[in-house]
PDB file of N, CA and C in Angstrom:
ATOM      1  N   UNK A   1     -32.573  21.446  54.557  1.00  0.00           N
ATOM      2  CA  UNK A   1     -31.745  20.934  53.046  1.00  0.00           C
ATOM      3  C   UNK A   1     -30.835  22.025  52.339  1.00  0.00           C
ATOM      4  N   UNK A   2     -29.604  21.367  52.304  1.00  0.00           N
ATOM      5  CA  UNK A   2     -28.640  22.389  51.823  1.00  0.00           C
ATOM      6  C   UNK A   2     -28.089  21.384  50.180  1.00  0.00           C
ATOM      7  N   UNK A   3     -29.064  21.670  48.970  1.00  0.00           N
ATOM      8  CA  UNK A   3     -29.077  21.106  47.824  1.00  0.00           C
ATOM      9  C   UNK A   3     -27.590  20.969  47.505  1.00  0.00           C
ATOM     10  N   UNK A   4     -26.891  22.366  47.594  1.00  0.00           N
ATOM     11  CA  UNK A   4     -25.469  22.514  46.930  1.00  0.00           C
ATOM     12  C   UNK A   4     -24.553  21.553  47.637  1.00  0.00           C
ATOM     13  N   UNK A   5     -24.673  21.086  48.774  1.00  0.00           N
ATOM     14  CA  UNK A   5     -23.696  20.313  49.844  1.00  0.00           C
ATOM     15  C   UNK A   5     -23.940  18.966  49.745  1.00  0.00           C
ATOM     16  N   UNK A   6     -25.873  18.876  49.413  1.00  0.00           N
ATOM     17  CA  UNK A   6     -26.238  17.412  49.503  1.00  0.00           C
ATOM     18  C   UNK A   6     -26.239  16.909  50.801  1.00  0.00           C
ATOM     19  N   UNK A   7     -26.709  18.163  51.675  1.00  0.00           N
ATOM     20  CA  UNK A   7     -26.819  17.247  53.257  1.00  0.00           C
ATOM     21  C   UNK A   7     -28.182  17.846  53.367  1.00  0.00           C
ATOM     22  N   UNK A   8     -28.681  16.835  54.256  1.00  0.00           N
ATOM     23  CA  UNK A   8     -30.503  16.730  54.460  1.00  0.00           C
ATOM     24  C   UNK A   8     -30.425  17.171  56.294  1.00  0.00           C
ATOM     25  N   UNK A   9     -30.891  17.707  57.104  1.00  0.00           N
ATOM     26  CA  UNK A   9     -30.897  18.189  58.579  1.00  0.00           C
ATOM     27  C   UNK A   9     -32.432  17.589  58.966  1.00  0.00           C
ATOM     28  N   UNK A  10     -32.653  16.719  59.629  1.00  0.00           N
ATOM     29  CA  UNK A  10     -33.744  16.304  60.338  1.00  0.00           C
ATOM     30  C   UNK A  10     -33.759  16.629  61.535  1.00  0.00           C
ATOM     31  N   UNK A  11     -35.035  16.808  62.188  1.00  0.00           N
ATOM     32  CA  UNK A  11     -35.295  17.298  63.571  1.00  0.00           C
ATOM     33  C   UNK A  11     -35.995  16.106  64.327  1.00  0.00           C
ATOM     34  N   UNK A  12     -35.657  15.370  65.128  1.00  0.00           N
ATOM     35  CA  UNK A  12     -36.624  14.378  65.512  1.00  0.00           C
ATOM     36  C   UNK A  12     -37.591  15.463  66.860  1.00  0.00           C
ATOM     37  N   UNK A  13     -39.062  15.113  66.607  1.00  0.00           N
ATOM     38  CA  UNK A  13     -39.647  16.363  67.422  1.00  0.00           C
ATOM     39  C   UNK A  13     -39.999  15.437  68.815  1.00  0.00           C
ATOM     40  N   UNK A  14     -39.496  14.266  68.945  1.00  0.00           N
ATOM     41  CA  UNK A  14     -39.522  13.813  70.133  1.00  0.00           C
ATOM     42  C   UNK A  14     -37.878  14.202  71.291  1.00  0.00           C
ATOM     43  N   UNK A  15     -36.986  13.852  70.891  1.00  0.00           N
ATOM     44  CA  UNK A  15     -36.026  14.256  71.508  1.00  0.00           C
ATOM     45  C   UNK A  15     -35.495  15.781  70.976  1.00  0.00           C
ATOM     46  N   UNK A  16     -36.178  16.426  70.121  1.00  0.00           N
ATOM     47  CA  UNK A  16     -35.316  17.651  69.733  1.00  0.00           C
ATOM     48  C   UNK A  16     -34.176  17.849  69.224  1.00  0.00           C
ATOM     49  N   UNK A  17     -33.636  16.406  68.908  1.00  0.00           N
ATOM     50  CA  UNK A  17     -32.161  16.051  68.327  1.00  0.00           C
ATOM     51  C   UNK A  17     -32.316  16.250  66.724  1.00  0.00           C
ATOM     52  N   UNK A  18     -31.538  17.069  66.214  1.00  0.00           N
ATOM     53  CA  UNK A  18     -31.462  17.132  64.860  1.00  0.00           C
ATOM     54  C   UNK A  18     -30.294  16.243  64.128  1.00  0.00           C
ATOM     55  N   UNK A  19     -30.437  15.798  63.157  1.00  0.00           N
ATOM     56  CA  UNK A  19     -29.444  15.039  62.203  1.00  0.00           C
ATOM     57  C   UNK A  19     -29.204  15.278  60.813  1.00  0.00           C
ATOM     58  N   UNK A  20     -27.959  15.177  60.665  1.00  0.00           N
ATOM     59  CA  UNK A  20     -27.645  15.528  59.091  1.00  0.00           C
ATOM     60  C   UNK A  20     -27.600  14.417  58.385  1.00  0.00           C
ATOM     61  N   UNK A  21     -28.013  14.360  57.111  1.00  0.00           N
ATOM     62  CA  UNK A  21     -27.435  12.871  56.648  1.00  0.00           C
ATOM     63  C   UNK A  21     -27.174  13.538  55.029  1.00  0.00           C
ATOM     64  N   UNK A  22     -26.270  12.737  54.354  1.00  0.00           N
ATOM     65  CA  UNK A  22     -25.563  13.049  52.935  1.00  0.00           C
ATOM     66  C   UNK A  22     -26.628  12.356  52.117  1.00  0.00           C
ATOM     67  N   UNK A  23     -26.617  13.068  50.962  1.00  0.00           N
ATOM     68  CA  UNK A  23     -27.607  12.185  49.857  1.00  0.00           C
ATOM     69  C   UNK A  23     -26.896  12.572  48.800  1.00  0.00           C
ATOM     70  N   UNK A  24     -27.390  11.360  47.795  1.00  0.00           N
ATOM     71  CA  UNK A  24     -27.637  11.401  46.222  1.00  0.00           C
ATOM     72  C   UNK A  24     -28.926  11.766  45.885  1.00  0.00           C
ATOM     73  N   UNK A  25     -29.746  11.048  46.290  1.00  0.00           N
ATOM     74  CA  UNK A  25     -31.192  11.533  45.892  1.00  0.00           C
ATOM     75  C   UNK A  25     -31.729  11.471  47.021  1.00  0.00           C
ATOM     76  N   UNK A  26     -32.639  12.381  47.280  1.00  0.00           N
ATOM     77  CA  UNK A  26     -33.479  12.512  48.302  1.00  0.00           C
ATOM     78  C   UNK A  26     -34.774  12.072  48.003  1.00  0.00           C
ATOM     79  N   UNK A  27     -35.564  11.497  48.889  1.00  0.00           N
ATOM     80  CA  UNK A  27     -37.116  11.407  48.618  1.00  0.00           C
ATOM     81  C   UNK A  27     -37.726  11.452  50.214  1.00  0.00           C
ATOM     82  N   UNK A  28     -38.342  12.729  50.221  1.00  0.00           N
ATOM     83  CA  UNK A  28     -38.875  12.656  51.572  1.00  0.00           C
ATOM     84  C   UNK A  28     -40.478  12.833  51.656  1.00  0.00           C
ATOM     85  N   UNK A  29     -41.191  11.661  52.763  1.00  0.00           N
ATOM     86  CA  UNK A  29     -42.502  11.618  52.611  1.00  0.00           C
ATOM     87  C   UNK A  29     -43.110  12.176  54.259  1.00  0.00           C
ATOM     88  N   UNK A  30     -43.829  13.269  54.084  1.00  0.00           N
ATOM     89  CA  UNK A  30     -44.523  13.421  55.029  1.00  0.00           C
ATOM     90  C   UNK A  30     -45.076  12.294  55.941  1.00  0.00           C
ATOM     91  N   UNK A  31     -45.193  12.389  57.282  1.00  0.00           N
ATOM     92  CA  UNK A  31     -45.606  11.934  57.835  1.00  0.00           C
ATOM     93  C   UNK A  31     -47.424  11.470  57.775  1.00  0.00           C
ATOM     94  N   UNK A  32     -47.430  10.094  57.378  1.00  0.00           N
ATOM     95  CA  UNK A  32     -48.847   9.778  57.148  1.00  0.00           C
ATOM     96  C   UNK A  32     -50.039   9.350  58.455  1.00  0.00           C
ATOM     97  N   UNK A  33     -50.899   9.974  58.567  1.00  0.00           N
ATOM     98  CA  UNK A  33     -52.028   9.283  59.598  1.00  0.00           C
ATOM     99  C   UNK A  33     -53.305   9.202  59.057  1.00  0.00           C
ATOM    100  N   UNK A  34     -53.979   8.632  60.042  1.00  0.00           N
ATOM    101  CA  UNK A  34     -55.726   8.764  59.531  1.00  0.00           C
ATOM    102  C   UNK A  34     -56.125  10.216  59.512  1.00  0.00           C
ATOM    103  N   UNK A  35     -57.426  10.400  59.329  1.00  0.00           N
ATOM    104  CA  UNK A  35     -58.008  11.524  59.692  1.00  0.00           C
ATOM    105  C   UNK A  35     -58.510  11.606  60.859  1.00  0.00           C
ATOM    106  N   UNK A  36     -58.886  12.776  61.578  1.00  0.00           N
ATOM    107  CA  UNK A  36     -59.337  12.591  62.733  1.00  0.00           C
ATOM    108  C   UNK A  36     -60.478  12.189  63.261  1.00  0.00           C
ATOM    109  N   UNK A  37     -61.245  12.055  62.255  1.00  0.00           N
ATOM    110  CA  UNK A  37     -62.888  11.437  62.768  1.00  0.00           C
ATOM    111  C   UNK A  37     -62.537   9.869  62.641  1.00  0.00           C
ATOM    112  N   UNK A  38     -61.289   9.616  62.138  1.00  0.00           N
ATOM    113  CA  UNK A  38     -61.278   8.376  62.053  1.00  0.00           C
ATOM    114  C   UNK A  38     -60.459   8.131  63.577  1.00  0.00           C
ATOM    115  N   UNK A  39     -59.636   8.716  63.739  1.00  0.00           N
ATOM    116  CA  UNK A  39     -58.489   8.475  64.898  1.00  0.00           C
ATOM    117  C   UNK A  39     -59.493   8.470  66.093  1.00  0.00           C
ATOM    118  N   UNK A  40     -60.325   9.244  66.127  1.00  0.00           N
ATOM    119  CA  UNK A  40     -60.781   9.539  67.300  1.00  0.00           C
ATOM    120  C   UNK A  40     -62.639   8.570  67.744  1.00  0.00           C
ATOM    121  N   UNK A  41     -62.393   7.358  66.648  1.00  0.00           N
ATOM    122  CA  UNK A  41     -63.276   6.219  66.448  1.00  0.00           C
ATOM    123  C   UNK A  41     -62.953   5.034  67.487  1.00  0.00           C
ATOM    124  N   UNK A  42     -63.845   4.425  67.667  1.00  0.00           N
ATOM    125  CA  UNK A  42     -63.745   2.898  68.381  1.00  0.00           C
ATOM    126  C   UNK A  42     -63.049   1.710  67.654  1.00  0.00           C
ATOM    127  N   UNK A  43     -62.765   2.171  66.358  1.00  0.00           N
ATOM    128  CA  UNK A  43     -62.513   1.049  65.899  1.00  0.00           C
ATOM    129  C   UNK A  43     -60.687   0.969  65.084  1.00  0.00           C
ATOM    130  N   UNK A  44     -60.203   2.283  65.496  1.00  0.00           N
ATOM    131  CA  UNK A  44     -58.976   2.240  65.305  1.00  0.00           C
ATOM    132  C   UNK A  44     -57.921   1.414  66.547  1.00  0.00           C
ATOM    133  N   UNK A  45     -56.744   1.171  66.095  1.00  0.00           N
ATOM    134  CA  UNK A  45     -55.815   0.636  67.088  1.00  0.00           C
ATOM    135  C   UNK A  45     -55.266   1.947  68.017  1.00  0.00           C
ATOM    136  N   UNK A  46     -54.372   1.812  68.503  1.00  0.00           N
ATOM    137  CA  UNK A  46     -53.288   2.729  69.345  1.00  0.00           C
ATOM    138  C   UNK A  46     -52.736   3.805  68.486  1.00  0.00           C
ATOM    139  N   UNK A  47     -52.430   3.385  67.558  1.00  0.00           N
ATOM    140  CA  UNK A  47     -51.867   4.233  66.468  1.00  0.00           C
ATOM    141  C   UNK A  47     -52.827   5.363  65.672  1.00  0.00           C
ATOM    142  N   UNK A  48     -54.374   4.960  65.559  1.00  0.00           N
ATOM    143  CA  UNK A  48     -55.057   5.845  64.636  1.00  0.00           C
ATOM    144  C   UNK A  48     -55.438   5.089  63.498  1.00  0.00           C
ATOM    145  N   UNK A  49     -55.278   3.605  63.349  1.00  0.00           N
ATOM    146  CA  UNK A  49     -55.548   3.254  61.905  1.00  0.00           C
ATOM    147  C   UNK A  49     -56.568   1.952  62.450  1.00  0.00           C
ATOM    148  N   UNK A  50     -57.411   1.578  61.429  1.00  0.00           N
ATOM    149  CA  UNK A  50     -58.472   0.391  61.677  1.00  0.00           C
ATOM    150  C   UNK A  50     -57.794  -0.437  62.056  1.00  0.00           C
ATOM    151  N   UNK A  51     -58.209  -1.014  62.670  1.00  0.00           N
ATOM    152  CA  UNK A  51     -57.699  -2.287  63.696  1.00  0.00           C
ATOM    153  C   UNK A  51     -58.175  -3.781  62.581  1.00  0.00           C
ATOM    154  N   UNK A  52     -57.674  -4.491  61.948  1.00  0.00           N
ATOM    155  CA  UNK A  52     -58.197  -5.533  61.135  1.00  0.00           C
ATOM    156  C   UNK A  52     -57.035  -6.628  60.938  1.00  0.00           C
ATOM    157  N   UNK A  53     -57.375  -7.595  60.848  1.00  0.00           N
ATOM    158  CA  UNK A  53     -56.473  -8.798  60.444  1.00  0.00           C
ATOM    159  C   UNK A  53     -55.940  -8.993  59.293  1.00  0.00           C
ATOM    160  N   UNK A  54     -54.520  -8.864  59.240  1.00  0.00           N
ATOM    161  CA  UNK A  54     -53.988  -8.593  57.646  1.00  0.00           C
ATOM    162  C   UNK A  54     -54.443  -9.794  56.615  1.00  0.00           C
ATOM    163  N   UNK A  55     -54.324 -10.762  57.024  1.00  0.00           N
ATOM    164  CA  UNK A  55     -54.748 -11.934  56.246  1.00  0.00           C
ATOM    165  C   UNK A  55     -56.553 -11.641  55.511  1.00  0.00           C
ATOM    166  N   UNK A  56     -57.417 -11.412  56.592  1.00  0.00           N
ATOM    167  CA  UNK A  56     -58.670 -11.101  56.088  1.00  0.00           C
ATOM    168  C   UNK A  56     -59.359  -9.818  55.823  1.00  0.00           C
ATOM    169  N   UNK A  57     -58.401  -8.598  56.325  1.00  0.00           N
ATOM    170  CA  UNK A  57     -58.950  -7.426  56.155  1.00  0.00           C
ATOM    171  C   UNK A  57     -60.136  -6.912  56.975  1.00  0.00           C
ATOM    172  N   UNK A  58     -60.773  -7.930  57.838  1.00  0.00           N
ATOM    173  CA  UNK A  58     -61.913  -8.004  58.733  1.00  0.00           C
ATOM    174  C   UNK A  58     -61.410  -7.303  60.132  1.00  0.00           C
ATOM    175  N   UNK A  59     -62.178  -6.454  60.603  1.00  0.00           N
ATOM    176  CA  UNK A  59     -62.038  -5.821  61.982  1.00  0.00           C
ATOM    177  C   UNK A  59     -61.439  -6.557  63.017  1.00  0.00           C
ATOM    178  N   UNK A  60     -60.881  -6.464  63.883  1.00  0.00           N
ATOM    179  CA  UNK A  60     -60.686  -7.623  64.771  1.00  0.00           C
ATOM    180  C   UNK A  60     -61.593  -7.800  66.252  1.00  0.00           C
ATOM    181  N   UNK A  61     -62.739  -6.746  66.417  1.00  0.00           N
ATOM    182  CA  UNK A  61     -63.507  -6.881  66.900  1.00  0.00           C
ATOM    183  C   UNK A  61     -64.883  -6.612  66.780  1.00  0.00           C
ATOM    184  N   UNK A  62     -65.091  -5.939  65.372  1.00  0.00           N
ATOM    185  CA  UNK A  62     -66.479  -5.795  64.763  1.00  0.00           C
ATOM    186  C   UNK A  62     -66.237  -6.264  63.323  1.00  0.00           C
ATOM    187  N   UNK A  63     -67.187  -7.857  63.467  1.00  0.00           N
ATOM    188  CA  UNK A  63     -66.980  -8.693  62.348  1.00  0.00           C
ATOM    189  C   UNK A  63     -67.705  -7.901  60.955  1.00  0.00           C
ATOM    190  N   UNK A  64     -68.525  -6.592  61.217  1.00  0.00           N
ATOM    191  CA  UNK A  64     -69.148  -6.237  59.830  1.00  0.00           C
ATOM    192  C   UNK A  64     -68.167  -5.155  59.386  1.00  0.00           C
ATOM    193  N   UNK A  65     -67.448  -5.031  60.026  1.00  0.00           N
ATOM    194  CA  UNK A  65     -66.490  -3.886  59.364  1.00  0.00           C
ATOM    195  C   UNK A  65     -65.430  -4.193  58.520  1.00  0.00           C
ATOM    196  N   UNK A  66     -64.691  -3.772  57.408  1.00  0.00           N
ATOM    197  CA  UNK A  66     -63.798  -4.643  56.600  1.00  0.00           C
ATOM    198  C   UNK A  66     -62.794  -3.281  56.202  1.00  0.00           C
ATOM    199  N   UNK A  67     -61.352  -3.085  56.067  1.00  0.00           N
ATOM    200  CA  UNK A  67     -60.920  -1.942  55.930  1.00  0.00           C
ATOM    201  C   UNK A  67     -59.719  -2.111  54.823  1.00  0.00           C
ATOM    202  N   UNK A  68     -59.371  -1.522  53.550  1.00  0.00           N
ATOM    203  CA  UNK A  68     -58.240  -1.457  52.996  1.00  0.00           C
ATOM    204  C   UNK A  68     -57.557  -0.214  52.863  1.00  0.00           C
ATOM    205  N   UNK A  69     -56.324  -0.135  52.273  1.00  0.00           N
ATOM    206  CA  UNK A  69     -55.895   0.846  52.293  1.00  0.00           C
ATOM    207  C   UNK A  69     -54.941   1.969  53.393  1.00  0.00           C
ATOM    208  N   UNK A  70     -54.946   3.207  53.110  1.00  0.00           N
ATOM    209  CA  UNK A  70     -53.870   3.829  54.080  1.00  0.00           C
ATOM    210  C   UNK A  70     -54.215   4.107  55.432  1.00  0.00           C
ATOM    211  N   UNK A  71     -55.985   3.911  55.722  1.00  0.00           N
ATOM    212  CA  UNK A  71     -56.528   4.169  56.809  1.00  0.00           C
ATOM    213  C   UNK A  71     -56.533   3.000  57.738  1.00  0.00           C
ATOM    214  N   UNK A  72     -56.208   1.728  57.201  1.00  0.00           N
ATOM    215  CA  UNK A  72     -55.925   0.475  57.767  1.00  0.00           C
ATOM    216  C   UNK A  72     -54.633   0.482  58.109  1.00  0.00           C
ATOM    217  N   UNK A  73     -54.661  -0.705  59.343  1.00  0.00           N
ATOM    218  CA  UNK A  73     -53.256  -0.695  60.176  1.00  0.00           C
ATOM    219  C   UNK A  73     -52.464  -2.291  59.335  1.00  0.00           C
ATOM    220  N   UNK A  74     -52.569  -2.296  58.044  1.00  0.00           N
ATOM    221  CA  UNK A  74     -51.988  -3.197  57.478  1.00  0.00           C
ATOM    222  C   UNK A  74     -50.673  -2.968  57.328  1.00  0.00           C
ATOM    223  N   UNK A  75     -49.485  -3.959  57.371  1.00  0.00           N
ATOM    224  CA  UNK A  75     -47.969  -3.793  57.224  1.00  0.00           C
ATOM    225  C   UNK A  75     -47.660  -3.419  56.207  1.00  0.00           C
ATOM    226  N   UNK A  76     -48.331  -2.351  55.635  1.00  0.00           N
ATOM    227  CA  UNK A  76     -47.607  -1.764  54.179  1.00  0.00           C
ATOM    228  C   UNK A  76     -47.353  -0.045  54.649  1.00  0.00           C
ATOM    229  N   UNK A  77     -46.270   0.475  53.676  1.00  0.00           N
ATOM    230  CA  UNK A  77     -46.211   1.732  53.733  1.00  0.00           C
ATOM    231  C   UNK A  77     -47.443   2.448  53.450  1.00  0.00           C
ATOM    232  N   UNK A  78     -47.570   3.648  53.640  1.00  0.00           N
ATOM    233  CA  UNK A  78     -48.549   4.573  53.475  1.00  0.00           C
ATOM    234  C   UNK A  78     -48.086   5.316  52.403  1.00  0.00           C
ATOM    235  N   UNK A  79     -47.785   5.399  51.582  1.00  0.00           N
ATOM    236  CA  UNK A  79     -47.258   6.197  50.111  1.00  0.00           C
ATOM    237  C   UNK A  79     -47.874   5.667  48.490  1.00  0.00           C
ATOM    238  N   UNK A  80     -48.110   6.756  47.866  1.00  0.00           N
ATOM    239  CA  UNK A  80     -48.183   6.043  46.706  1.00  0.00           C
ATOM    240  C   UNK A  80     -47.320   4.973  46.312  1.00  0.00           C
ATOM    241  N   UNK A  81     -46.161   4.849  46.244  1.00  0.00           N
ATOM    242  CA  UNK A  81     -45.203   4.026  46.092  1.00  0.00           C
ATOM    243  C   UNK A  81     -45.866   2.459  46.253  1.00  0.00           C
ATOM    244  N   UNK A  82     -46.363   2.302  47.264  1.00  0.00           N
ATOM    245  CA  UNK A  82     -46.843   1.034  47.881  1.00  0.00           C
ATOM    246  C   UNK A  82     -47.874   0.596  46.775  1.00  0.00           C
ATOM    247  N   UNK A  83     -48.576   1.681  45.959  1.00  0.00           N
ATOM    248  CA  UNK A  83     -49.678   1.200  44.885  1.00  0.00           C
ATOM    249  C   UNK A  83     -49.066   0.868  43.891  1.00  0.00           C
ATOM    250  N   UNK A  84     -47.891   1.542  43.502  1.00  0.00           N
ATOM    251  CA  UNK A  84     -47.525   1.080  42.005  1.00  0.00           C
ATOM    252  C   UNK A  84     -46.557   0.249  41.925  1.00  0.00           C
ATOM    253  N   UNK A  85     -46.127  -0.669  43.043  1.00  0.00           N
ATOM    254  CA  UNK A  85     -45.022  -1.711  43.463  1.00  0.00           C
ATOM    255  C   UNK A  85     -45.964  -3.316  43.143  1.00  0.00           C
TER     256      UNK A  85
END
């Protein structure tokens, strides 16, 4: 990040391509993911989040499991900003 020029440089770890982005206000959030013990369990989806029905919060395979918050695959952002909005 070049704060004086107001330019941020991002690296795509998949393609190894760099992209520069001009900014006035910059809010960067690190990649969010479930903890390892959860990602390695049989209750998560292919992305490592607890696989639930978004309407009921009940697991899609295990009816005795419910999940809320950042560990679930709810279609919400995984940042504190989601909590206060």
